[in-house]
PDB file of all heavy atoms in Angstrom:
ATOM      1  N   GLU A   1      30.360  24.437  19.348  1.00  0.00           N
ATOM      2  CA  GLU A   1      31.420  25.353  18.915  1.00  0.00           C
ATOM      3  C   GLU A   1      30.879  26.770  18.748  1.00  0.00           C
ATOM      4  O   GLU A   1      31.540  27.747  19.117  1.00  0.00           O
ATOM      5  CB  GLU A   1      32.019  24.860  17.601  1.00  0.00           C
ATOM      6  CG  GLU A   1      33.158  25.723  17.084  1.00  0.00           C
ATOM      7  CD  GLU A   1      33.767  25.177  15.796  1.00  0.00           C
ATOM      8  OE1 GLU A   1      33.354  24.089  15.358  1.00  0.00           O
ATOM      9  OE2 GLU A   1      34.637  25.861  15.231  1.00  0.00           O
ATOM     10  N   ARG A   2      29.660  26.893  18.199  1.00  0.00           N
ATOM     11  CA  ARG A   2      29.077  28.210  17.973  1.00  0.00           C
ATOM     12  C   ARG A   2      28.920  28.982  19.279  1.00  0.00           C
ATOM     13  O   ARG A   2      29.126  30.197  19.335  1.00  0.00           O
ATOM     14  CB  ARG A   2      27.708  28.069  17.287  1.00  0.00           C
ATOM     15  CG  ARG A   2      27.016  29.386  17.020  1.00  0.00           C
ATOM     16  CD  ARG A   2      25.679  29.156  16.324  1.00  0.00           C
ATOM     17  NE  ARG A   2      25.847  28.615  14.999  1.00  0.00           N
ATOM     18  CZ  ARG A   2      26.066  29.341  13.906  1.00  0.00           C
ATOM     19  NH1 ARG A   2      26.159  30.655  14.011  1.00  0.00           N
ATOM     20  NH2 ARG A   2      26.194  28.768  12.727  1.00  0.00           N
ATOM     21  N   TYR A   3      28.550  28.276  20.360  1.00  0.00           N
ATOM     22  CA  TYR A   3      28.325  28.940  21.643  1.00  0.00           C
ATOM     23  C   TYR A   3      29.510  28.807  22.602  1.00  0.00           C
ATOM     24  O   TYR A   3      29.414  29.185  23.773  1.00  0.00           O
ATOM     25  CB  TYR A   3      27.043  28.408  22.289  1.00  0.00           C
ATOM     26  CG  TYR A   3      25.809  28.839  21.527  1.00  0.00           C
ATOM     27  CD1 TYR A   3      25.203  27.986  20.597  1.00  0.00           C
ATOM     28  CD2 TYR A   3      25.277  30.108  21.697  1.00  0.00           C
ATOM     29  CE1 TYR A   3      24.087  28.385  19.877  1.00  0.00           C
ATOM     30  CE2 TYR A   3      24.161  30.516  20.980  1.00  0.00           C
ATOM     31  CZ  TYR A   3      23.579  29.650  20.077  1.00  0.00           C
ATOM     32  OH  TYR A   3      22.479  30.054  19.359  1.00  0.00           O
ATOM     33  N   GLY A   4      30.617  28.255  22.115  1.00  0.00           N
ATOM     34  CA  GLY A   4      31.834  28.209  22.913  1.00  0.00           C
ATOM     35  C   GLY A   4      31.774  27.283  24.104  1.00  0.00           C
ATOM     36  O   GLY A   4      32.369  27.573  25.154  1.00  0.00           O
ATOM     37  N   VAL A   5      31.100  26.159  23.967  1.00  0.00           N
ATOM     38  CA  VAL A   5      30.975  25.206  25.071  1.00  0.00           C
ATOM     39  C   VAL A   5      31.861  23.992  24.781  1.00  0.00           C
ATOM     40  O   VAL A   5      31.698  23.335  23.748  1.00  0.00           O
ATOM     41  CB  VAL A   5      29.512  24.740  25.260  1.00  0.00           C
ATOM     42  CG1 VAL A   5      29.373  23.939  26.554  1.00  0.00           C
ATOM     43  CG2 VAL A   5      28.570  25.934  25.277  1.00  0.00           C
ATOM     44  N   PRO A   6      32.791  23.654  25.665  1.00  0.00           N
ATOM     45  CA  PRO A   6      33.691  22.513  25.413  1.00  0.00           C
ATOM     46  C   PRO A   6      32.937  21.183  25.383  1.00  0.00           C
ATOM     47  O   PRO A   6      31.909  21.015  26.049  1.00  0.00           O
ATOM     48  CB  PRO A   6      34.669  22.561  26.610  1.00  0.00           C
ATOM     49  CG  PRO A   6      34.508  23.916  27.212  1.00  0.00           C
ATOM     50  CD  PRO A   6      33.105  24.350  26.922  1.00  0.00           C
ATOM     51  N   LEU A   7      33.456  20.244  24.624  1.00  0.00           N
ATOM     52  CA  LEU A   7      32.865  18.912  24.557  1.00  0.00           C
ATOM     53  C   LEU A   7      33.391  18.057  25.702  1.00  0.00           C
ATOM     54  O   LEU A   7      34.601  17.955  25.914  1.00  0.00           O
ATOM     55  CB  LEU A   7      33.203  18.241  23.227  1.00  0.00           C
ATOM     56  CG  LEU A   7      32.707  18.923  21.947  1.00  0.00           C
ATOM     57  CD1 LEU A   7      33.069  18.075  20.732  1.00  0.00           C
ATOM     58  CD2 LEU A   7      31.205  19.164  22.001  1.00  0.00           C
ATOM     59  N   LEU A   8      32.467  17.425  26.441  1.00  0.00           N
ATOM     60  CA  LEU A   8      32.853  16.455  27.469  1.00  0.00           C
ATOM     61  C   LEU A   8      32.874  15.038  26.905  1.00  0.00           C
ATOM     62  O   LEU A   8      33.678  14.206  27.314  1.00  0.00           O
ATOM     63  CB  LEU A   8      31.882  16.508  28.652  1.00  0.00           C
ATOM     64  CG  LEU A   8      31.960  17.717  29.575  1.00  0.00           C
ATOM     65  CD1 LEU A   8      30.994  17.526  30.755  1.00  0.00           C
ATOM     66  CD2 LEU A   8      33.374  17.930  30.093  1.00  0.00           C
ATOM     67  N   GLN A   9      31.961  14.770  25.969  1.00  0.00           N
ATOM     68  CA  GLN A   9      31.856  13.426  25.402  1.00  0.00           C
ATOM     69  C   GLN A   9      31.241  13.528  24.023  1.00  0.00           C
ATOM     70  O   GLN A   9      30.260  14.253  23.828  1.00  0.00           O
ATOM     71  CB  GLN A   9      30.986  12.533  26.294  1.00  0.00           C
ATOM     72  CG  GLN A   9      30.923  11.074  25.874  1.00  0.00           C
ATOM     73  CD  GLN A   9      32.189  10.311  26.228  1.00  0.00           C
ATOM     74  OE1 GLN A   9      32.685  10.451  27.335  1.00  0.00           O
ATOM     75  NE2 GLN A   9      32.692   9.520  25.309  1.00  0.00           N
ATOM     76  N   GLU A  10      31.795  12.813  23.063  1.00  0.00           N
ATOM     77  CA  GLU A  10      31.268  12.807  21.707  1.00  0.00           C
ATOM     78  C   GLU A  10      30.470  11.535  21.453  1.00  0.00           C
ATOM     79  O   GLU A  10      30.661  10.515  22.119  1.00  0.00           O
ATOM     80  CB  GLU A  10      32.410  12.902  20.690  1.00  0.00           C
ATOM     81  CG  GLU A  10      33.250  14.170  20.806  1.00  0.00           C
ATOM     82  CD  GLU A  10      34.406  14.180  19.823  1.00  0.00           C
ATOM     83  OE1 GLU A  10      34.209  13.732  18.675  1.00  0.00           O
ATOM     84  OE2 GLU A  10      35.504  14.617  20.211  1.00  0.00           O
ATOM     85  N   ARG A  11      29.537  11.633  20.507  1.00  0.00           N
ATOM     86  CA  ARG A  11      28.751  10.492  20.022  1.00  0.00           C
ATOM     87  C   ARG A  11      28.119   9.708  21.166  1.00  0.00           C
ATOM     88  O   ARG A  11      28.429   8.532  21.384  1.00  0.00           O
ATOM     89  CB  ARG A  11      29.601   9.590  19.137  1.00  0.00           C
ATOM     90  CG  ARG A  11      30.141  10.324  17.913  1.00  0.00           C
ATOM     91  CD  ARG A  11      30.577   9.399  16.807  1.00  0.00           C
ATOM     92  NE  ARG A  11      30.945  10.171  15.629  1.00  0.00           N
ATOM     93  CZ  ARG A  11      31.202   9.640  14.433  1.00  0.00           C
ATOM     94  NH1 ARG A  11      31.134   8.329  14.275  1.00  0.00           N
ATOM     95  NH2 ARG A  11      31.525  10.403  13.414  1.00  0.00           N
ATOM     96  N   ILE A  12      27.217  10.356  21.872  1.00  0.00           N
ATOM     97  CA  ILE A  12      26.567   9.713  23.009  1.00  0.00           C
ATOM     98  C   ILE A  12      25.188   9.161  22.641  1.00  0.00           C
ATOM     99  O   ILE A  12      24.469   8.667  23.505  1.00  0.00           O
ATOM    100  CB  ILE A  12      26.441  10.692  24.192  1.00  0.00           C
ATOM    101  CG1 ILE A  12      25.496  11.846  23.850  1.00  0.00           C
ATOM    102  CG2 ILE A  12      27.811  11.219  24.613  1.00  0.00           C
ATOM    103  CD1 ILE A  12      25.151  12.724  25.043  1.00  0.00           C
ATOM    104  N   GLU A  13      24.802   9.239  21.362  1.00  0.00           N
ATOM    105  CA  GLU A  13      23.506   8.702  20.961  1.00  0.00           C
ATOM    106  C   GLU A  13      23.466   7.195  21.213  1.00  0.00           C
ATOM    107  O   GLU A  13      24.481   6.501  21.082  1.00  0.00           O
ATOM    108  CB  GLU A  13      23.212   9.001  19.484  1.00  0.00           C
ATOM    109  CG  GLU A  13      24.188   8.402  18.482  1.00  0.00           C
ATOM    110  CD  GLU A  13      25.411   9.269  18.244  1.00  0.00           C
ATOM    111  OE1 GLU A  13      25.605  10.286  18.936  1.00  0.00           O
ATOM    112  OE2 GLU A  13      26.201   8.907  17.341  1.00  0.00           O
ATOM    113  N   ASP A  14      22.289   6.692  21.578  1.00  0.00           N
ATOM    114  CA  ASP A  14      22.152   5.272  21.918  1.00  0.00           C
ATOM    115  C   ASP A  14      22.310   4.373  20.699  1.00  0.00           C
ATOM    116  O   ASP A  14      22.804   3.245  20.814  1.00  0.00           O
ATOM    117  CB  ASP A  14      20.788   5.009  22.569  1.00  0.00           C
ATOM    118  CG  ASP A  14      20.642   5.741  23.896  1.00  0.00           C
ATOM    119  OD1 ASP A  14      21.673   6.029  24.534  1.00  0.00           O
ATOM    120  OD2 ASP A  14      19.500   6.028  24.289  1.00  0.00           O
ATOM    121  N   TYR A  15      21.873   4.838  19.544  1.00  0.00           N
ATOM    122  CA  TYR A  15      21.950   4.046  18.318  1.00  0.00           C
ATOM    123  C   TYR A  15      22.844   4.773  17.324  1.00  0.00           C
ATOM    124  O   TYR A  15      22.521   5.878  16.880  1.00  0.00           O
ATOM    125  CB  TYR A  15      20.557   3.828  17.723  1.00  0.00           C
ATOM    126  CG  TYR A  15      19.603   3.158  18.680  1.00  0.00           C
ATOM    127  CD1 TYR A  15      18.662   3.900  19.390  1.00  0.00           C
ATOM    128  CD2 TYR A  15      19.665   1.786  18.899  1.00  0.00           C
ATOM    129  CE1 TYR A  15      17.806   3.293  20.292  1.00  0.00           C
ATOM    130  CE2 TYR A  15      18.806   1.161  19.797  1.00  0.00           C
ATOM    131  CZ  TYR A  15      17.883   1.910  20.484  1.00  0.00           C
ATOM    132  OH  TYR A  15      17.038   1.313  21.382  1.00  0.00           O
ATOM    133  N   HIS A  16      23.945   4.155  16.970  1.00  0.00           N
ATOM    134  CA  HIS A  16      24.939   4.855  16.156  1.00  0.00           C
ATOM    135  C   HIS A  16      24.554   4.936  14.677  1.00  0.00           C
ATOM    136  O   HIS A  16      25.252   5.570  13.900  1.00  0.00           O
ATOM    137  CB  HIS A  16      26.317   4.222  16.346  1.00  0.00           C
ATOM    138  CG  HIS A  16      26.850   4.420  17.742  1.00  0.00           C
ATOM    139  ND1 HIS A  16      27.176   5.663  18.231  1.00  0.00           N
ATOM    140  CD2 HIS A  16      27.068   3.552  18.754  1.00  0.00           C
ATOM    141  CE1 HIS A  16      27.596   5.554  19.476  1.00  0.00           C
ATOM    142  NE2 HIS A  16      27.527   4.290  19.823  1.00  0.00           N
ATOM    143  N   GLY A  17      23.446   4.299  14.312  1.00  0.00           N
ATOM    144  CA  GLY A  17      22.898   4.511  12.979  1.00  0.00           C
ATOM    145  C   GLY A  17      21.824   5.591  12.976  1.00  0.00           C
ATOM    146  O   GLY A  17      21.082   5.739  12.001  1.00  0.00           O
ATOM    147  N   ASN A  18      21.740   6.339  14.059  1.00  0.00           N
ATOM    148  CA  ASN A  18      20.712   7.351  14.263  1.00  0.00           C
ATOM    149  C   ASN A  18      20.682   8.352  13.101  1.00  0.00           C
ATOM    150  O   ASN A  18      21.646   9.076  12.867  1.00  0.00           O
ATOM    151  CB  ASN A  18      20.992   8.076  15.585  1.00  0.00           C
ATOM    152  CG  ASN A  18      19.881   9.026  15.987  1.00  0.00           C
ATOM    153  OD1 ASN A  18      18.737   8.841  15.599  1.00  0.00           O
ATOM    154  ND2 ASN A  18      20.219  10.038  16.772  1.00  0.00           N
ATOM    155  N   THR A  19      19.572   8.414  12.375  1.00  0.00           N
ATOM    156  CA  THR A  19      19.455   9.245  11.175  1.00  0.00           C
ATOM    157  C   THR A  19      18.127   9.990  11.192  1.00  0.00           C
ATOM    158  O   THR A  19      17.099   9.423  11.555  1.00  0.00           O
ATOM    159  CB  THR A  19      19.541   8.383   9.902  1.00  0.00           C
ATOM    160  OG1 THR A  19      20.796   7.700   9.891  1.00  0.00           O
ATOM    161  CG2 THR A  19      19.426   9.239   8.641  1.00  0.00           C
ATOM    162  N   THR A  20      18.166  11.253  10.802  1.00  0.00           N
ATOM    163  CA  THR A  20      16.940  12.042  10.670  1.00  0.00           C
ATOM    164  C   THR A  20      16.730  12.389   9.204  1.00  0.00           C
ATOM    165  O   THR A  20      17.665  12.706   8.483  1.00  0.00           O
ATOM    166  CB  THR A  20      17.001  13.326  11.515  1.00  0.00           C
ATOM    167  OG1 THR A  20      17.050  12.965  12.906  1.00  0.00           O
ATOM    168  CG2 THR A  20      15.764  14.191  11.292  1.00  0.00           C
ATOM    169  N   ARG A  21      15.488  12.303   8.792  1.00  0.00           N
ATOM    170  CA  ARG A  21      15.094  12.649   7.421  1.00  0.00           C
ATOM    171  C   ARG A  21      14.428  14.025   7.438  1.00  0.00           C
ATOM    172  O   ARG A  21      13.583  14.308   8.294  1.00  0.00           O
ATOM    173  CB  ARG A  21      14.135  11.592   6.877  1.00  0.00           C
ATOM    174  CG  ARG A  21      13.606  11.860   5.470  1.00  0.00           C
ATOM    175  CD  ARG A  21      12.803  10.665   4.992  1.00  0.00           C
ATOM    176  NE  ARG A  21      12.086  10.945   3.755  1.00  0.00           N
ATOM    177  CZ  ARG A  21      10.767  10.926   3.628  1.00  0.00           C
ATOM    178  NH1 ARG A  21       9.999  10.629   4.660  1.00  0.00           N
ATOM    179  NH2 ARG A  21      10.201  11.197   2.477  1.00  0.00           N
ATOM    180  N   PHE A  22      14.820  14.860   6.496  1.00  0.00           N
ATOM    181  CA  PHE A  22      14.288  16.212   6.378  1.00  0.00           C
ATOM    182  C   PHE A  22      13.627  16.365   5.004  1.00  0.00           C
ATOM    183  O   PHE A  22      14.050  15.730   4.031  1.00  0.00           O
ATOM    184  CB  PHE A  22      15.406  17.246   6.515  1.00  0.00           C
ATOM    185  CG  PHE A  22      16.140  17.190   7.827  1.00  0.00           C
ATOM    186  CD1 PHE A  22      17.168  16.273   8.017  1.00  0.00           C
ATOM    187  CD2 PHE A  22      15.803  18.048   8.864  1.00  0.00           C
ATOM    188  CE1 PHE A  22      17.855  16.207   9.225  1.00  0.00           C
ATOM    189  CE2 PHE A  22      16.476  17.986  10.073  1.00  0.00           C
ATOM    190  CZ  PHE A  22      17.499  17.070  10.259  1.00  0.00           C
ATOM    191  N   LEU A  23      12.618  17.211   4.936  1.00  0.00           N
ATOM    192  CA  LEU A  23      11.945  17.511   3.676  1.00  0.00           C
ATOM    193  C   LEU A  23      12.293  18.915   3.211  1.00  0.00           C
ATOM    194  O   LEU A  23      12.420  19.840   4.024  1.00  0.00           O
ATOM    195  CB  LEU A  23      10.430  17.390   3.836  1.00  0.00           C
ATOM    196  CG  LEU A  23       9.901  16.012   4.231  1.00  0.00           C
ATOM    197  CD1 LEU A  23       8.379  16.060   4.387  1.00  0.00           C
ATOM    198  CD2 LEU A  23      10.302  14.944   3.230  1.00  0.00           C
ATOM    199  N   VAL A  24      12.431  19.073   1.900  1.00  0.00           N
ATOM    200  CA  VAL A  24      12.656  20.381   1.285  1.00  0.00           C
ATOM    201  C   VAL A  24      11.328  20.859   0.724  1.00  0.00           C
ATOM    202  O   VAL A  24      10.686  20.162  -0.064  1.00  0.00           O
ATOM    203  CB  VAL A  24      13.720  20.303   0.171  1.00  0.00           C
ATOM    204  CG1 VAL A  24      13.968  21.690  -0.410  1.00  0.00           C
ATOM    205  CG2 VAL A  24      15.012  19.701   0.709  1.00  0.00           C
ATOM    206  N   LEU A  25      10.897  22.041   1.148  1.00  0.00           N
ATOM    207  CA  LEU A  25       9.595  22.586   0.775  1.00  0.00           C
ATOM    208  C   LEU A  25       9.737  23.607  -0.349  1.00  0.00           C
ATOM    209  O   LEU A  25      10.653  24.427  -0.342  1.00  0.00           O
ATOM    210  CB  LEU A  25       8.940  23.272   1.975  1.00  0.00           C
ATOM    211  CG  LEU A  25       8.863  22.480   3.278  1.00  0.00           C
ATOM    212  CD1 LEU A  25       8.288  23.353   4.384  1.00  0.00           C
ATOM    213  CD2 LEU A  25       8.038  21.223   3.089  1.00  0.00           C
ATOM    214  N   GLY A  26       8.809  23.547  -1.290  1.00  0.00           N
ATOM    215  CA  GLY A  26       8.766  24.533  -2.364  1.00  0.00           C
ATOM    216  C   GLY A  26       7.350  24.595  -2.908  1.00  0.00           C
ATOM    217  O   GLY A  26       6.401  24.166  -2.254  1.00  0.00           O
ATOM    218  N   TYR A  27       7.215  25.095  -4.136  1.00  0.00           N
ATOM    219  CA  TYR A  27       5.880  25.237  -4.700  1.00  0.00           C
ATOM    220  C   TYR A  27       5.579  24.272  -5.841  1.00  0.00           C
ATOM    221  O   TYR A  27       4.433  24.073  -6.190  1.00  0.00           O
ATOM    222  CB  TYR A  27       5.640  26.674  -5.169  1.00  0.00           C
ATOM    223  CG  TYR A  27       4.867  27.485  -4.155  1.00  0.00           C
ATOM    224  CD1 TYR A  27       5.503  28.433  -3.376  1.00  0.00           C
ATOM    225  CD2 TYR A  27       3.512  27.275  -3.960  1.00  0.00           C
ATOM    226  CE1 TYR A  27       4.804  29.168  -2.425  1.00  0.00           C
ATOM    227  CE2 TYR A  27       2.795  27.989  -3.016  1.00  0.00           C
ATOM    228  CZ  TYR A  27       3.451  28.937  -2.252  1.00  0.00           C
ATOM    229  OH  TYR A  27       2.752  29.650  -1.309  1.00  0.00           O
ATOM    230  N   GLN A  28       6.592  23.670  -6.403  1.00  0.00           N
ATOM    231  CA  GLN A  28       6.342  22.801  -7.561  1.00  0.00           C
ATOM    232  C   GLN A  28       7.300  21.630  -7.539  1.00  0.00           C
ATOM    233  O   GLN A  28       8.517  21.810  -7.480  1.00  0.00           O
ATOM    234  CB  GLN A  28       6.506  23.586  -8.866  1.00  0.00           C
ATOM    235  CG  GLN A  28       6.125  22.798 -10.106  1.00  0.00           C
ATOM    236  CD  GLN A  28       6.205  23.646 -11.356  1.00  0.00           C
ATOM    237  OE1 GLN A  28       6.636  24.802 -11.313  1.00  0.00           O
ATOM    238  NE2 GLN A  28       5.798  23.089 -12.486  1.00  0.00           N
ATOM    239  N   SER A  29       6.742  20.421  -7.580  1.00  0.00           N
ATOM    240  CA  SER A  29       7.590  19.236  -7.614  1.00  0.00           C
ATOM    241  C   SER A  29       8.368  19.178  -8.918  1.00  0.00           C
ATOM    242  O   SER A  29       7.861  19.569  -9.978  1.00  0.00           O
ATOM    243  CB  SER A  29       6.739  17.964  -7.477  1.00  0.00           C
ATOM    244  OG  SER A  29       6.192  17.868  -6.182  1.00  0.00           O
ATOM    245  N   PRO A  30       9.604  18.682  -8.869  1.00  0.00           N
ATOM    246  CA  PRO A  30      10.419  18.619 -10.085  1.00  0.00           C
ATOM    247  C   PRO A  30      10.003  17.462 -10.977  1.00  0.00           C
ATOM    248  O   PRO A  30       9.296  16.540 -10.548  1.00  0.00           O
ATOM    249  CB  PRO A  30      11.828  18.392  -9.519  1.00  0.00           C
ATOM    250  CG  PRO A  30      11.595  17.682  -8.222  1.00  0.00           C
ATOM    251  CD  PRO A  30      10.332  18.255  -7.660  1.00  0.00           C
ATOM    252  N   PRO A  31      10.444  17.471 -12.238  1.00  0.00           N
ATOM    253  CA  PRO A  31      10.204  16.340 -13.138  1.00  0.00           C
ATOM    254  C   PRO A  31      10.937  15.093 -12.645  1.00  0.00           C
ATOM    255  O   PRO A  31      11.774  15.167 -11.736  1.00  0.00           O
ATOM    256  CB  PRO A  31      10.770  16.825 -14.481  1.00  0.00           C
ATOM    257  CG  PRO A  31      10.902  18.305 -14.344  1.00  0.00           C
ATOM    258  CD  PRO A  31      11.146  18.573 -12.901  1.00  0.00           C
ATOM    259  N   PRO A  32      10.657  13.934 -13.243  1.00  0.00           N
ATOM    260  CA  PRO A  32      11.323  12.696 -12.811  1.00  0.00           C
ATOM    261  C   PRO A  32      12.836  12.760 -12.982  1.00  0.00           C
ATOM    262  O   PRO A  32      13.345  13.330 -13.950  1.00  0.00           O
ATOM    263  CB  PRO A  32      10.711  11.636 -13.724  1.00  0.00           C
ATOM    264  CG  PRO A  32       9.401  12.202 -14.165  1.00  0.00           C
ATOM    265  CD  PRO A  32       9.618  13.676 -14.263  1.00  0.00           C
ATOM    266  N   SER A  33      13.552  12.166 -12.021  1.00  0.00           N
ATOM    267  CA  SER A  33      15.009  12.071 -12.103  1.00  0.00           C
ATOM    268  C   SER A  33      15.465  10.644 -12.392  1.00  0.00           C
ATOM    269  O   SER A  33      16.626  10.409 -12.690  1.00  0.00           O
ATOM    270  CB  SER A  33      15.639  12.547 -10.792  1.00  0.00           C
ATOM    271  OG  SER A  33      15.428  11.592  -9.755  1.00  0.00           O
ATOM    272  N   GLY A  34      14.526   9.688 -12.275  1.00  0.00           N
ATOM    273  CA  GLY A  34      14.881   8.272 -12.452  1.00  0.00           C
ATOM    274  C   GLY A  34      15.065   7.531 -11.143  1.00  0.00           C
ATOM    275  O   GLY A  34      15.034   6.302 -11.114  1.00  0.00           O
ATOM    276  N   HIS A  35      15.255   8.271 -10.045  1.00  0.00           N
ATOM    277  CA  HIS A  35      15.387   7.666  -8.712  1.00  0.00           C
ATOM    278  C   HIS A  35      14.571   8.529  -7.745  1.00  0.00           C
ATOM    279  O   HIS A  35      15.133   9.311  -6.974  1.00  0.00           O
ATOM    280  CB  HIS A  35      16.843   7.606  -8.269  1.00  0.00           C
ATOM    281  CG  HIS A  35      17.711   6.743  -9.113  1.00  0.00           C
ATOM    282  ND1 HIS A  35      18.262   7.181 -10.301  1.00  0.00           N
ATOM    283  CD2 HIS A  35      18.114   5.452  -8.954  1.00  0.00           C
ATOM    284  CE1 HIS A  35      18.974   6.199 -10.829  1.00  0.00           C
ATOM    285  NE2 HIS A  35      18.897   5.150 -10.040  1.00  0.00           N
ATOM    286  N   ASP A  36      13.243   8.359  -7.780  1.00  0.00           N
ATOM    287  CA  ASP A  36      12.366   9.301  -7.094  1.00  0.00           C
ATOM    288  C   ASP A  36      11.528   8.633  -6.009  1.00  0.00           C
ATOM    289  O   ASP A  36      11.453   7.408  -5.894  1.00  0.00           O
ATOM    290  CB  ASP A  36      11.436   9.974  -8.110  1.00  0.00           C
ATOM    291  CG  ASP A  36      12.201  10.739  -9.173  1.00  0.00           C
ATOM    292  OD1 ASP A  36      12.917  11.678  -8.807  1.00  0.00           O
ATOM    293  OD2 ASP A  36      12.103  10.367 -10.360  1.00  0.00           O
ATOM    294  N   LYS A  37      10.888   9.498  -5.245  1.00  0.00           N
ATOM    295  CA  LYS A  37       9.960   9.091  -4.195  1.00  0.00           C
ATOM    296  C   LYS A  37       8.752  10.004  -4.300  1.00  0.00           C
ATOM    297  O   LYS A  37       8.873  11.172  -4.671  1.00  0.00           O
ATOM    298  CB  LYS A  37      10.626   9.218  -2.826  1.00  0.00           C
ATOM    299  CG  LYS A  37       9.796   8.724  -1.655  1.00  0.00           C
ATOM    300  CD  LYS A  37      10.546   8.918  -0.335  1.00  0.00           C
ATOM    301  CE  LYS A  37      11.736   7.999  -0.209  1.00  0.00           C
ATOM    302  NZ  LYS A  37      12.402   8.111   1.119  1.00  0.00           N
ATOM    303  N   THR A  38       7.571   9.474  -3.994  1.00  0.00           N
ATOM    304  CA  THR A  38       6.341  10.256  -4.006  1.00  0.00           C
ATOM    305  C   THR A  38       5.668  10.174  -2.646  1.00  0.00           C
ATOM    306  O   THR A  38       5.551   9.086  -2.079  1.00  0.00           O
ATOM    307  CB  THR A  38       5.384   9.759  -5.102  1.00  0.00           C
ATOM    308  OG1 THR A  38       5.964  10.012  -6.390  1.00  0.00           O
ATOM    309  CG2 THR A  38       4.033  10.474  -5.039  1.00  0.00           C
TER     310      THR A  38
END
């Protein structure tokens, strides 16, 4: 949409559970929230 290109086909990924994990970068880890990962 940003570049004005029409869609020919939607959702063409091979695995429909396809998920990417992203990390948020900063300088100091937060205190515990009760549902954390290290």
